[in-house]
Amino acid sequence: MATTVNSGNIPVSNTQSSTSADPRYEGSTFQYSMLLEHLIGEKRPIKDLNPTVMGGLPNPMKTDDQKMIERGMESCAFKAVLACVGGFVLGGAFGVFTAGIDTNVGFDPKDPMRTPTAREVLKDMGQRGMSYAKNFAVIGAMFSCTECIIESHRGKSDWKNAVYSGCVTGGAIGFRGELTTSSGAKAGVLGCGGFAAFSAAIEYYLR
């Protein structure tokens, strides 16, 4: 059964006007807006995300010695030395491996029919390993140093740094002091393009 309400008995306009004119209503609205400003507005305080409060492990403050060590490890000189050492070890291992699978290692070109001794084989393997180690060390140091310098200059860490560094390293190895000759320039251009393409492929695979 529907009930009817006589609108004439309820002064709607008077009720709305009395509500809007009520100072308690205006005060509550102001307090609500102030609360929103402190919760999600511009007056919201920025809290420090402390790991201990969030249930994580505490993060102690770093000392000056630790900060100095971190700056040293992030420097281009340290990266170049580290790449040089790594390249030396990797190149030596690669040279010894290639000498081990080479059937002509230890043979004398003047007397190819003579069977080499174990000492001669080991000497030849050591010489080849040292040669590979030096080359890999130079390449690693040049690549790492140029990449660090380019990254510091650009202010970005992306694949372009490796490509630019590969071009510089390959071009320097290709030239080898023959900047004025056509063969040196051609070798430099080919080295730049080859190293840049190889660096781009490695970066694409790693990223």
N, C-alpha and C. Protein backbone atom coordinates (compact mmCIF):
# COMPACT_ATOMS: atom_id res chain seq x y z
N MET A 1 0.86 -1.19 0.00
CA MET A 1 0.00 0.00 0.00
C MET A 1 0.88 1.23 0.00
N ALA A 2 0.74 2.09 -0.97
CA ALA A 2 1.59 3.25 -1.10
C ALA A 2 1.13 4.33 -0.17
N THR A 3 2.08 5.02 0.40
CA THR A 3 1.77 6.13 1.30
C THR A 3 2.14 7.41 0.60
N THR A 4 1.33 8.37 0.79
CA THR A 4 1.56 9.67 0.16
C THR A 4 2.01 10.64 1.21
N VAL A 5 2.90 11.50 0.77
CA VAL A 5 3.41 12.52 1.69
C VAL A 5 3.01 13.86 1.13
N ASN A 6 2.39 14.63 1.95
CA ASN A 6 1.96 15.96 1.54
C ASN A 6 3.15 16.89 1.57
N SER A 7 3.55 17.33 0.36
CA SER A 7 4.73 18.20 0.29
C SER A 7 4.44 19.57 0.91
N GLY A 8 3.18 19.89 1.05
CA GLY A 8 2.87 21.18 1.63
C GLY A 8 3.16 21.23 3.10
N ASN A 9 3.18 20.03 3.77
CA ASN A 9 3.42 20.02 5.20
C ASN A 9 4.88 20.17 5.55
N ILE A 10 5.83 19.91 4.55
CA ILE A 10 7.27 19.97 4.84
C ILE A 10 7.86 21.13 4.08
N PRO A 11 8.30 22.14 4.72
CA PRO A 11 8.90 23.29 4.03
C PRO A 11 10.30 22.95 3.58
N VAL A 12 10.42 22.46 2.34
CA VAL A 12 11.73 22.01 1.84
C VAL A 12 12.69 23.17 1.71
N SER A 13 12.22 24.25 1.12
CA SER A 13 13.10 25.40 0.91
C SER A 13 13.59 25.96 2.22
N ASN A 14 12.72 25.99 3.21
CA ASN A 14 13.14 26.49 4.51
C ASN A 14 14.17 25.58 5.15
N THR A 15 14.01 24.24 4.96
CA THR A 15 14.96 23.29 5.55
C THR A 15 16.33 23.43 4.92
N GLN A 16 16.40 23.56 3.56
CA GLN A 16 17.68 23.70 2.89
C GLN A 16 18.35 25.00 3.27
N SER A 17 17.56 26.04 3.36
CA SER A 17 18.16 27.32 3.71
C SER A 17 18.68 27.33 5.13
N SER A 18 17.93 26.66 6.02
CA SER A 18 18.38 26.61 7.41
C SER A 18 19.62 25.75 7.56
N THR A 19 19.73 24.66 6.72
CA THR A 19 20.91 23.79 6.79
C THR A 19 22.15 24.50 6.28
N SER A 20 22.00 25.23 5.14
CA SER A 20 23.15 25.95 4.59
C SER A 20 23.56 27.11 5.46
N ALA A 21 22.60 27.68 6.19
CA ALA A 21 22.93 28.80 7.06
C ALA A 21 23.40 28.37 8.43
N ASP A 22 23.35 27.06 8.71
CA ASP A 22 23.75 26.56 10.02
C ASP A 22 25.26 26.63 10.14
N PRO A 23 25.83 27.31 11.12
CA PRO A 23 27.30 27.40 11.26
C PRO A 23 27.94 26.06 11.58
N ARG A 24 27.20 25.14 12.23
CA ARG A 24 27.76 23.83 12.53
C ARG A 24 28.00 23.04 11.24
N TYR A 25 27.11 23.19 10.25
CA TYR A 25 27.27 22.49 8.96
C TYR A 25 28.49 23.02 8.22
N GLU A 26 28.65 24.35 8.22
CA GLU A 26 29.82 24.92 7.56
C GLU A 26 31.11 24.50 8.25
N GLY A 27 31.08 24.41 9.57
CA GLY A 27 32.28 24.00 10.29
C GLY A 27 32.67 22.57 10.01
N SER A 28 31.68 21.69 9.92
CA SER A 28 31.98 20.29 9.63
C SER A 28 32.53 20.13 8.22
N THR A 29 31.99 20.89 7.25
CA THR A 29 32.51 20.84 5.88
C THR A 29 33.94 21.32 5.82
N PHE A 30 34.26 22.37 6.54
CA PHE A 30 35.63 22.90 6.56
C PHE A 30 36.59 21.90 7.20
N GLN A 31 36.16 21.28 8.28
CA GLN A 31 37.01 20.28 8.92
C GLN A 31 37.23 19.08 8.01
N TYR A 32 36.22 18.68 7.26
CA TYR A 32 36.36 17.55 6.35
C TYR A 32 37.34 17.88 5.22
N SER A 33 37.26 19.08 4.69
CA SER A 33 38.19 19.48 3.62
C SER A 33 39.61 19.58 4.15
N MET A 34 39.77 20.09 5.39
CA MET A 34 41.11 20.14 5.98
C MET A 34 41.67 18.74 6.20
N LEU A 35 40.82 17.81 6.58
CA LEU A 35 41.26 16.43 6.78
C LEU A 35 41.72 15.81 5.47
N LEU A 36 41.00 16.08 4.39
CA LEU A 36 41.40 15.56 3.08
C LEU A 36 42.72 16.17 2.63
N GLU A 37 42.95 17.44 2.93
CA GLU A 37 44.21 18.09 2.56
C GLU A 37 45.39 17.43 3.26
N HIS A 38 45.22 17.03 4.52
CA HIS A 38 46.30 16.41 5.27
C HIS A 38 46.47 14.93 4.92
N LEU A 39 45.41 14.31 4.38
CA LEU A 39 45.52 12.89 4.05
C LEU A 39 46.01 12.67 2.62
N ILE A 40 45.40 13.34 1.64
CA ILE A 40 45.74 13.10 0.25
C ILE A 40 46.07 14.38 -0.50
N GLY A 41 46.04 15.51 0.17
CA GLY A 41 46.28 16.77 -0.51
C GLY A 41 47.73 17.21 -0.45
N GLU A 42 47.92 18.52 -0.66
CA GLU A 42 49.28 19.06 -0.68
C GLU A 42 49.92 19.10 0.71
N LYS A 43 49.11 19.09 1.75
CA LYS A 43 49.65 19.13 3.11
C LYS A 43 49.97 17.76 3.66
N ARG A 44 49.88 16.73 2.80
CA ARG A 44 50.17 15.37 3.27
C ARG A 44 51.66 15.24 3.58
N PRO A 45 52.03 14.80 4.77
CA PRO A 45 53.45 14.68 5.13
C PRO A 45 54.10 13.53 4.39
N ILE A 46 55.32 13.75 3.93
CA ILE A 46 56.09 12.72 3.23
C ILE A 46 56.88 11.93 4.28
N LYS A 47 56.60 10.65 4.36
CA LYS A 47 57.24 9.80 5.35
C LYS A 47 58.43 9.09 4.74
N ASP A 48 59.46 8.91 5.54
CA ASP A 48 60.63 8.16 5.11
C ASP A 48 60.35 6.67 5.22
N LEU A 49 60.55 5.96 4.11
CA LEU A 49 60.28 4.52 4.09
C LEU A 49 61.42 3.78 4.78
N ASN A 50 61.28 3.63 6.07
CA ASN A 50 62.29 2.92 6.85
C ASN A 50 62.06 1.42 6.73
N PRO A 51 63.08 0.65 6.32
CA PRO A 51 62.87 -0.80 6.19
C PRO A 51 62.46 -1.48 7.48
N THR A 52 62.89 -0.94 8.62
CA THR A 52 62.52 -1.57 9.89
C THR A 52 61.04 -1.42 10.17
N VAL A 53 60.45 -0.29 9.73
CA VAL A 53 59.02 -0.07 9.94
C VAL A 53 58.21 -0.95 8.99
N MET A 54 58.72 -1.16 7.78
CA MET A 54 58.01 -1.96 6.79
C MET A 54 58.26 -3.45 6.94
N GLY A 55 58.96 -3.85 7.95
CA GLY A 55 59.18 -5.27 8.18
C GLY A 55 60.41 -5.83 7.50
N GLY A 56 61.29 -4.96 6.94
CA GLY A 56 62.50 -5.43 6.28
C GLY A 56 63.70 -5.36 7.20
N LEU A 57 64.85 -5.65 6.63
CA LEU A 57 66.08 -5.61 7.39
C LEU A 57 66.55 -4.16 7.55
N PRO A 58 67.18 -3.83 8.65
CA PRO A 58 67.67 -2.46 8.84
C PRO A 58 68.80 -2.14 7.87
N ASN A 59 68.85 -0.89 7.45
CA ASN A 59 69.88 -0.42 6.53
C ASN A 59 70.78 0.56 7.26
N PRO A 60 71.94 0.10 7.73
CA PRO A 60 72.80 1.01 8.50
C PRO A 60 73.39 2.10 7.62
N MET A 61 73.74 3.19 8.26
CA MET A 61 74.35 4.30 7.55
C MET A 61 75.77 3.93 7.11
N LYS A 62 76.13 4.37 5.90
CA LYS A 62 77.46 4.06 5.38
C LYS A 62 78.48 5.05 5.93
N THR A 63 79.64 4.51 6.23
CA THR A 63 80.72 5.36 6.72
C THR A 63 81.43 6.05 5.56
N ASP A 64 82.31 6.97 5.89
CA ASP A 64 83.05 7.68 4.86
C ASP A 64 83.99 6.75 4.09
N ASP A 65 84.55 5.76 4.80
CA ASP A 65 85.43 4.80 4.12
C ASP A 65 84.66 3.95 3.12
N GLN A 66 83.45 3.53 3.50
CA GLN A 66 82.64 2.76 2.58
C GLN A 66 82.22 3.57 1.36
N LYS A 67 81.88 4.83 1.57
CA LYS A 67 81.52 5.68 0.45
C LYS A 67 82.72 5.91 -0.48
N MET A 68 83.91 6.05 0.11
CA MET A 68 85.10 6.25 -0.70
C MET A 68 85.41 4.99 -1.52
N ILE A 69 85.22 3.82 -0.92
CA ILE A 69 85.45 2.57 -1.64
C ILE A 69 84.45 2.41 -2.78
N GLU A 70 83.19 2.76 -2.53
CA GLU A 70 82.17 2.68 -3.59
C GLU A 70 82.49 3.62 -4.75
N ARG A 71 82.94 4.83 -4.42
CA ARG A 71 83.31 5.77 -5.50
C ARG A 71 84.49 5.25 -6.29
N GLY A 72 85.45 4.62 -5.59
CA GLY A 72 86.59 4.06 -6.29
C GLY A 72 86.21 2.90 -7.18
N MET A 73 85.29 2.06 -6.72
CA MET A 73 84.87 0.91 -7.53
C MET A 73 84.01 1.33 -8.72
N GLU A 74 83.37 2.48 -8.63
CA GLU A 74 82.56 2.97 -9.73
C GLU A 74 83.34 3.85 -10.70
N SER A 75 84.61 4.09 -10.43
CA SER A 75 85.42 4.93 -11.30
C SER A 75 85.81 4.19 -12.57
N CYS A 76 86.13 4.95 -13.60
CA CYS A 76 86.51 4.36 -14.89
C CYS A 76 87.86 3.64 -14.79
N ALA A 77 88.76 4.15 -13.95
CA ALA A 77 90.07 3.51 -13.82
C ALA A 77 89.94 2.11 -13.23
N PHE A 78 89.11 1.98 -12.21
CA PHE A 78 88.93 0.64 -11.59
C PHE A 78 88.27 -0.32 -12.57
N LYS A 79 87.28 0.16 -13.32
CA LYS A 79 86.62 -0.70 -14.30
C LYS A 79 87.59 -1.13 -15.40
N ALA A 80 88.47 -0.21 -15.81
CA ALA A 80 89.44 -0.56 -16.84
C ALA A 80 90.44 -1.59 -16.33
N VAL A 81 90.91 -1.43 -15.10
CA VAL A 81 91.85 -2.39 -14.53
C VAL A 81 91.19 -3.75 -14.36
N LEU A 82 89.95 -3.75 -13.90
CA LEU A 82 89.23 -5.01 -13.71
C LEU A 82 89.02 -5.72 -15.05
N ALA A 83 88.65 -4.97 -16.07
CA ALA A 83 88.47 -5.57 -17.40
C ALA A 83 89.80 -6.05 -17.97
N CYS A 84 90.88 -5.34 -17.67
CA CYS A 84 92.20 -5.74 -18.14
C CYS A 84 92.61 -7.07 -17.51
N VAL A 85 92.41 -7.20 -16.23
CA VAL A 85 92.75 -8.45 -15.55
C VAL A 85 91.88 -9.60 -16.04
N GLY A 86 90.58 -9.34 -16.16
CA GLY A 86 89.69 -10.38 -16.66
C GLY A 86 90.01 -10.79 -18.09
N GLY A 87 90.33 -9.81 -18.93
CA GLY A 87 90.72 -10.12 -20.29
C GLY A 87 92.01 -10.90 -20.37
N PHE A 88 92.95 -10.58 -19.48
CA PHE A 88 94.23 -11.31 -19.46
C PHE A 88 94.01 -12.78 -19.11
N VAL A 89 93.19 -13.02 -18.09
CA VAL A 89 92.93 -14.41 -17.68
C VAL A 89 92.15 -15.15 -18.77
N LEU A 90 91.12 -14.50 -19.31
CA LEU A 90 90.32 -15.15 -20.35
C LEU A 90 91.13 -15.39 -21.62
N GLY A 91 91.93 -14.41 -22.01
CA GLY A 91 92.76 -14.58 -23.20
C GLY A 91 93.82 -15.66 -23.03
N GLY A 92 94.43 -15.74 -21.85
CA GLY A 92 95.40 -16.80 -21.61
C GLY A 92 94.78 -18.18 -21.69
N ALA A 93 93.60 -18.32 -21.09
CA ALA A 93 92.92 -19.62 -21.14
C ALA A 93 92.52 -19.97 -22.57
N PHE A 94 92.05 -18.98 -23.31
CA PHE A 94 91.65 -19.23 -24.70
C PHE A 94 92.86 -19.59 -25.56
N GLY A 95 94.01 -18.91 -25.32
CA GLY A 95 95.21 -19.23 -26.09
C GLY A 95 95.73 -20.62 -25.80
N VAL A 96 95.72 -21.01 -24.55
CA VAL A 96 96.16 -22.36 -24.21
C VAL A 96 95.22 -23.40 -24.80
N PHE A 97 93.93 -23.11 -24.80
CA PHE A 97 92.96 -24.04 -25.37
C PHE A 97 93.16 -24.22 -26.87
N THR A 98 93.33 -23.12 -27.58
CA THR A 98 93.55 -23.22 -29.03
C THR A 98 94.87 -23.89 -29.36
N ALA A 99 95.88 -23.66 -28.51
CA ALA A 99 97.16 -24.35 -28.74
C ALA A 99 97.04 -25.83 -28.46
N GLY A 100 96.17 -26.20 -27.54
CA GLY A 100 96.00 -27.61 -27.23
C GLY A 100 95.34 -28.40 -28.32
N ILE A 101 94.47 -27.76 -29.10
CA ILE A 101 93.78 -28.47 -30.18
C ILE A 101 94.48 -28.28 -31.53
N ASP A 102 95.56 -27.49 -31.54
CA ASP A 102 96.32 -27.28 -32.77
C ASP A 102 97.31 -28.42 -32.95
N THR A 103 97.24 -29.08 -34.08
CA THR A 103 98.15 -30.22 -34.32
C THR A 103 99.55 -29.78 -34.69
N ASN A 104 99.76 -28.53 -35.07
CA ASN A 104 101.08 -28.05 -35.47
C ASN A 104 101.83 -27.37 -34.35
N VAL A 105 101.29 -27.39 -33.13
CA VAL A 105 101.96 -26.72 -32.03
C VAL A 105 103.25 -27.47 -31.67
N GLY A 106 104.31 -26.73 -31.47
CA GLY A 106 105.60 -27.30 -31.10
C GLY A 106 106.45 -27.76 -32.25
N PHE A 107 105.93 -27.80 -33.44
CA PHE A 107 106.71 -28.28 -34.59
C PHE A 107 107.65 -27.19 -35.08
N ASP A 108 108.84 -27.62 -35.50
CA ASP A 108 109.84 -26.71 -36.04
C ASP A 108 109.61 -26.59 -37.54
N PRO A 109 109.41 -25.37 -38.09
CA PRO A 109 109.19 -25.27 -39.53
C PRO A 109 110.39 -25.71 -40.36
N LYS A 110 111.58 -25.64 -39.78
CA LYS A 110 112.77 -26.06 -40.52
C LYS A 110 112.88 -27.58 -40.61
N ASP A 111 112.33 -28.26 -39.62
CA ASP A 111 112.38 -29.73 -39.62
C ASP A 111 111.00 -30.25 -39.22
N PRO A 112 110.04 -30.22 -40.14
CA PRO A 112 108.67 -30.63 -39.78
C PRO A 112 108.52 -32.12 -39.51
N MET A 113 109.46 -32.89 -39.92
CA MET A 113 109.36 -34.33 -39.71
C MET A 113 109.77 -34.76 -38.30
N ARG A 114 110.44 -33.87 -37.57
CA ARG A 114 110.87 -34.21 -36.22
C ARG A 114 109.72 -34.07 -35.23
N THR A 115 109.58 -35.05 -34.38
CA THR A 115 108.52 -35.01 -33.37
C THR A 115 108.93 -34.08 -32.23
N PRO A 116 108.08 -33.08 -31.90
CA PRO A 116 108.46 -32.15 -30.82
C PRO A 116 108.39 -32.82 -29.46
N THR A 117 109.20 -32.32 -28.57
CA THR A 117 109.20 -32.82 -27.20
C THR A 117 108.08 -32.15 -26.40
N ALA A 118 107.83 -32.68 -25.22
CA ALA A 118 106.80 -32.11 -24.36
C ALA A 118 107.17 -30.71 -23.91
N ARG A 119 108.46 -30.48 -23.70
CA ARG A 119 108.90 -29.15 -23.29
C ARG A 119 108.64 -28.13 -24.40
N GLU A 120 108.92 -28.51 -25.64
CA GLU A 120 108.68 -27.60 -26.76
C GLU A 120 107.19 -27.33 -26.94
N VAL A 121 106.37 -28.34 -26.75
CA VAL A 121 104.92 -28.14 -26.87
C VAL A 121 104.41 -27.20 -25.79
N LEU A 122 104.85 -27.41 -24.57
CA LEU A 122 104.42 -26.55 -23.47
C LEU A 122 104.92 -25.13 -23.65
N LYS A 123 106.14 -24.97 -24.19
CA LYS A 123 106.67 -23.64 -24.43
C LYS A 123 105.85 -22.90 -25.49
N ASP A 124 105.51 -23.63 -26.56
CA ASP A 124 104.69 -23.02 -27.60
C ASP A 124 103.30 -22.67 -27.09
N MET A 125 102.71 -23.52 -26.27
CA MET A 125 101.41 -23.24 -25.68
C MET A 125 101.47 -22.03 -24.76
N GLY A 126 102.54 -21.92 -23.99
CA GLY A 126 102.69 -20.76 -23.11
C GLY A 126 102.86 -19.47 -23.88
N GLN A 127 103.62 -19.50 -24.97
CA GLN A 127 103.79 -18.30 -25.77
C GLN A 127 102.48 -17.86 -26.42
N ARG A 128 101.75 -18.83 -26.93
CA ARG A 128 100.47 -18.47 -27.54
C ARG A 128 99.48 -17.98 -26.49
N GLY A 129 99.45 -18.61 -25.34
CA GLY A 129 98.57 -18.14 -24.28
C GLY A 129 98.90 -16.75 -23.81
N MET A 130 100.20 -16.41 -23.70
CA MET A 130 100.61 -15.07 -23.30
C MET A 130 100.24 -14.04 -24.36
N SER A 131 100.39 -14.41 -25.63
CA SER A 131 100.03 -13.49 -26.71
C SER A 131 98.53 -13.18 -26.68
N TYR A 132 97.73 -14.23 -26.54
CA TYR A 132 96.27 -14.02 -26.47
C TYR A 132 95.90 -13.23 -25.23
N ALA A 133 96.57 -13.48 -24.12
CA ALA A 133 96.25 -12.79 -22.87
C ALA A 133 96.52 -11.30 -22.99
N LYS A 134 97.64 -10.92 -23.61
CA LYS A 134 97.95 -9.50 -23.77
C LYS A 134 96.93 -8.81 -24.68
N ASN A 135 96.58 -9.46 -25.77
CA ASN A 135 95.61 -8.86 -26.68
C ASN A 135 94.25 -8.69 -26.03
N PHE A 136 93.78 -9.71 -25.33
CA PHE A 136 92.49 -9.63 -24.66
C PHE A 136 92.52 -8.58 -23.55
N ALA A 137 93.64 -8.46 -22.85
CA ALA A 137 93.74 -7.47 -21.78
C ALA A 137 93.66 -6.05 -22.32
N VAL A 138 94.34 -5.79 -23.43
CA VAL A 138 94.30 -4.46 -24.04
C VAL A 138 92.90 -4.14 -24.55
N ILE A 139 92.27 -5.10 -25.21
CA ILE A 139 90.92 -4.87 -25.73
C ILE A 139 89.93 -4.64 -24.59
N GLY A 140 90.01 -5.45 -23.54
CA GLY A 140 89.09 -5.29 -22.42
C GLY A 140 89.25 -3.95 -21.72
N ALA A 141 90.51 -3.52 -21.52
CA ALA A 141 90.74 -2.23 -20.86
C ALA A 141 90.25 -1.08 -21.71
N MET A 142 90.52 -1.12 -23.03
CA MET A 142 90.07 -0.05 -23.91
C MET A 142 88.55 0.02 -23.98
N PHE A 143 87.92 -1.12 -24.10
CA PHE A 143 86.46 -1.14 -24.22
C PHE A 143 85.80 -0.65 -22.94
N SER A 144 86.26 -1.14 -21.80
CA SER A 144 85.64 -0.75 -20.53
C SER A 144 85.87 0.73 -20.23
N CYS A 145 87.07 1.22 -20.49
CA CYS A 145 87.37 2.62 -20.20
C CYS A 145 86.56 3.55 -21.10
N THR A 146 86.53 3.27 -22.39
CA THR A 146 85.76 4.13 -23.30
C THR A 146 84.26 4.06 -23.01
N GLU A 147 83.75 2.89 -22.65
CA GLU A 147 82.34 2.79 -22.32
C GLU A 147 81.99 3.59 -21.08
N CYS A 148 82.87 3.55 -20.08
CA CYS A 148 82.63 4.32 -18.86
C CYS A 148 82.67 5.82 -19.13
N ILE A 149 83.62 6.25 -19.96
CA ILE A 149 83.72 7.68 -20.27
C ILE A 149 82.50 8.14 -21.07
N ILE A 150 82.09 7.34 -22.05
CA ILE A 150 80.92 7.71 -22.85
C ILE A 150 79.65 7.73 -21.99
N GLU A 151 79.52 6.76 -21.09
CA GLU A 151 78.35 6.73 -20.21
C GLU A 151 78.32 7.93 -19.28
N SER A 152 79.49 8.32 -18.76
CA SER A 152 79.54 9.50 -17.89
C SER A 152 79.23 10.77 -18.66
N HIS A 153 79.66 10.84 -19.91
CA HIS A 153 79.40 12.03 -20.72
C HIS A 153 77.94 12.13 -21.14
N ARG A 154 77.34 10.99 -21.53
CA ARG A 154 75.94 11.00 -21.97
C ARG A 154 74.96 11.05 -20.80
N GLY A 155 75.36 10.51 -19.66
CA GLY A 155 74.46 10.46 -18.51
C GLY A 155 73.37 9.42 -18.65
N LYS A 156 73.58 8.43 -19.53
CA LYS A 156 72.60 7.38 -19.75
C LYS A 156 73.32 6.03 -19.77
N SER A 157 72.58 5.00 -19.37
CA SER A 157 73.11 3.64 -19.39
C SER A 157 72.22 2.80 -20.30
N ASP A 158 72.59 2.74 -21.58
CA ASP A 158 71.81 1.97 -22.55
C ASP A 158 72.76 1.27 -23.51
N TRP A 159 72.19 0.67 -24.54
CA TRP A 159 72.98 -0.11 -25.48
C TRP A 159 73.87 0.74 -26.37
N LYS A 160 73.56 2.02 -26.49
CA LYS A 160 74.36 2.88 -27.35
C LYS A 160 75.78 3.06 -26.82
N ASN A 161 75.94 3.03 -25.51
CA ASN A 161 77.28 3.18 -24.93
C ASN A 161 78.20 2.06 -25.40
N ALA A 162 77.69 0.83 -25.39
CA ALA A 162 78.51 -0.31 -25.83
C ALA A 162 78.82 -0.22 -27.32
N VAL A 163 77.87 0.25 -28.11
CA VAL A 163 78.09 0.37 -29.56
C VAL A 163 79.16 1.43 -29.85
N TYR A 164 79.05 2.58 -29.20
CA TYR A 164 80.05 3.64 -29.40
C TYR A 164 81.42 3.17 -28.93
N SER A 165 81.46 2.51 -27.79
CA SER A 165 82.73 2.03 -27.27
C SER A 165 83.33 0.96 -28.17
N GLY A 166 82.49 0.07 -28.70
CA GLY A 166 82.99 -0.94 -29.62
C GLY A 166 83.55 -0.33 -30.89
N CYS A 167 82.92 0.73 -31.37
CA CYS A 167 83.42 1.40 -32.57
C CYS A 167 84.78 2.05 -32.29
N VAL A 168 84.91 2.71 -31.16
CA VAL A 168 86.18 3.36 -30.82
C VAL A 168 87.29 2.32 -30.64
N THR A 169 86.98 1.24 -29.92
CA THR A 169 87.97 0.20 -29.68
C THR A 169 88.37 -0.50 -30.98
N GLY A 170 87.40 -0.88 -31.77
CA GLY A 170 87.71 -1.55 -33.03
C GLY A 170 88.45 -0.65 -34.00
N GLY A 171 88.08 0.63 -34.03
CA GLY A 171 88.80 1.55 -34.91
C GLY A 171 90.24 1.76 -34.48
N ALA A 172 90.48 1.87 -33.17
CA ALA A 172 91.84 2.05 -32.68
C ALA A 172 92.70 0.82 -32.95
N ILE A 173 92.13 -0.35 -32.79
CA ILE A 173 92.89 -1.58 -33.08
C ILE A 173 93.13 -1.72 -34.58
N GLY A 174 92.16 -1.31 -35.39
CA GLY A 174 92.33 -1.43 -36.84
C GLY A 174 93.36 -0.47 -37.40
N PHE A 175 93.42 0.72 -36.86
CA PHE A 175 94.39 1.70 -37.36
C PHE A 175 95.83 1.27 -37.05
N ARG A 176 96.10 1.02 -35.78
CA ARG A 176 97.42 0.58 -35.33
C ARG A 176 98.54 1.49 -35.82
N GLY A 177 98.32 2.78 -35.67
CA GLY A 177 99.37 3.73 -36.01
C GLY A 177 99.50 4.03 -37.49
N GLU A 178 98.61 3.53 -38.33
CA GLU A 178 98.69 3.77 -39.77
C GLU A 178 97.54 4.67 -40.21
N LEU A 179 97.50 5.84 -39.62
CA LEU A 179 96.39 6.75 -39.91
C LEU A 179 96.50 7.36 -41.30
N THR A 180 97.71 7.51 -41.81
CA THR A 180 97.89 8.18 -43.09
C THR A 180 97.73 7.26 -44.29
N THR A 181 97.87 5.97 -44.09
CA THR A 181 97.78 5.04 -45.21
C THR A 181 96.34 4.63 -45.45
N SER A 182 96.06 4.24 -46.68
CA SER A 182 94.70 3.81 -47.02
C SER A 182 94.35 2.47 -46.39
N SER A 183 95.34 1.60 -46.27
CA SER A 183 95.08 0.30 -45.65
C SER A 183 94.74 0.44 -44.18
N GLY A 184 95.44 1.36 -43.50
CA GLY A 184 95.13 1.59 -42.09
C GLY A 184 93.76 2.19 -41.89
N ALA A 185 93.36 3.13 -42.75
CA ALA A 185 92.03 3.72 -42.64
C ALA A 185 90.95 2.69 -42.92
N LYS A 186 91.17 1.84 -43.92
CA LYS A 186 90.19 0.81 -44.23
C LYS A 186 90.06 -0.19 -43.10
N ALA A 187 91.19 -0.58 -42.52
CA ALA A 187 91.15 -1.52 -41.39
C ALA A 187 90.47 -0.88 -40.18
N GLY A 188 90.68 0.42 -39.99
CA GLY A 188 90.04 1.10 -38.88
C GLY A 188 88.53 1.17 -39.03
N VAL A 189 88.08 1.46 -40.25
CA VAL A 189 86.63 1.52 -40.50
C VAL A 189 85.99 0.15 -40.33
N LEU A 190 86.66 -0.87 -40.86
CA LEU A 190 86.12 -2.23 -40.72
C LEU A 190 86.13 -2.67 -39.25
N GLY A 191 87.19 -2.32 -38.53
CA GLY A 191 87.23 -2.66 -37.11
C GLY A 191 86.17 -1.95 -36.31
N CYS A 192 85.93 -0.68 -36.65
CA CYS A 192 84.88 0.08 -35.96
C CYS A 192 83.51 -0.55 -36.19
N GLY A 193 83.21 -0.85 -37.47
CA GLY A 193 81.91 -1.45 -37.77
C GLY A 193 81.75 -2.83 -37.19
N GLY A 194 82.81 -3.63 -37.26
CA GLY A 194 82.72 -5.00 -36.73
C GLY A 194 82.54 -5.03 -35.23
N PHE A 195 83.32 -4.25 -34.51
CA PHE A 195 83.20 -4.23 -33.05
C PHE A 195 81.87 -3.61 -32.62
N ALA A 196 81.41 -2.61 -33.33
CA ALA A 196 80.13 -1.99 -32.99
C ALA A 196 78.98 -2.98 -33.19
N ALA A 197 79.01 -3.72 -34.30
CA ALA A 197 77.96 -4.70 -34.55
C ALA A 197 78.00 -5.83 -33.52
N PHE A 198 79.21 -6.27 -33.17
CA PHE A 198 79.34 -7.32 -32.17
C PHE A 198 78.85 -6.84 -30.80
N SER A 199 79.18 -5.61 -30.43
CA SER A 199 78.72 -5.07 -29.15
C SER A 199 77.21 -4.91 -29.13
N ALA A 200 76.64 -4.47 -30.25
CA ALA A 200 75.18 -4.34 -30.32
C ALA A 200 74.49 -5.69 -30.19
N ALA A 201 75.06 -6.72 -30.80
CA ALA A 201 74.47 -8.06 -30.70
C ALA A 201 74.56 -8.59 -29.26
N ILE A 202 75.68 -8.37 -28.61
CA ILE A 202 75.84 -8.82 -27.22
C ILE A 202 74.87 -8.07 -26.31
N GLU A 203 74.75 -6.76 -26.48
CA GLU A 203 73.84 -5.99 -25.65
C GLU A 203 72.39 -6.40 -25.89
N TYR A 204 72.04 -6.67 -27.12
CA TYR A 204 70.67 -7.12 -27.42
C TYR A 204 70.39 -8.47 -26.78
N TYR A 205 71.37 -9.33 -26.78
CA TYR A 205 71.18 -10.65 -26.17
C TYR A 205 71.10 -10.55 -24.65
N LEU A 206 71.92 -9.70 -24.05
CA LEU A 206 71.94 -9.59 -22.58
C LEU A 206 70.73 -8.82 -22.06
N ARG A 207 70.26 -7.85 -22.79
CA ARG A 207 69.13 -7.03 -22.33
C ARG A 207 67.80 -7.64 -22.74
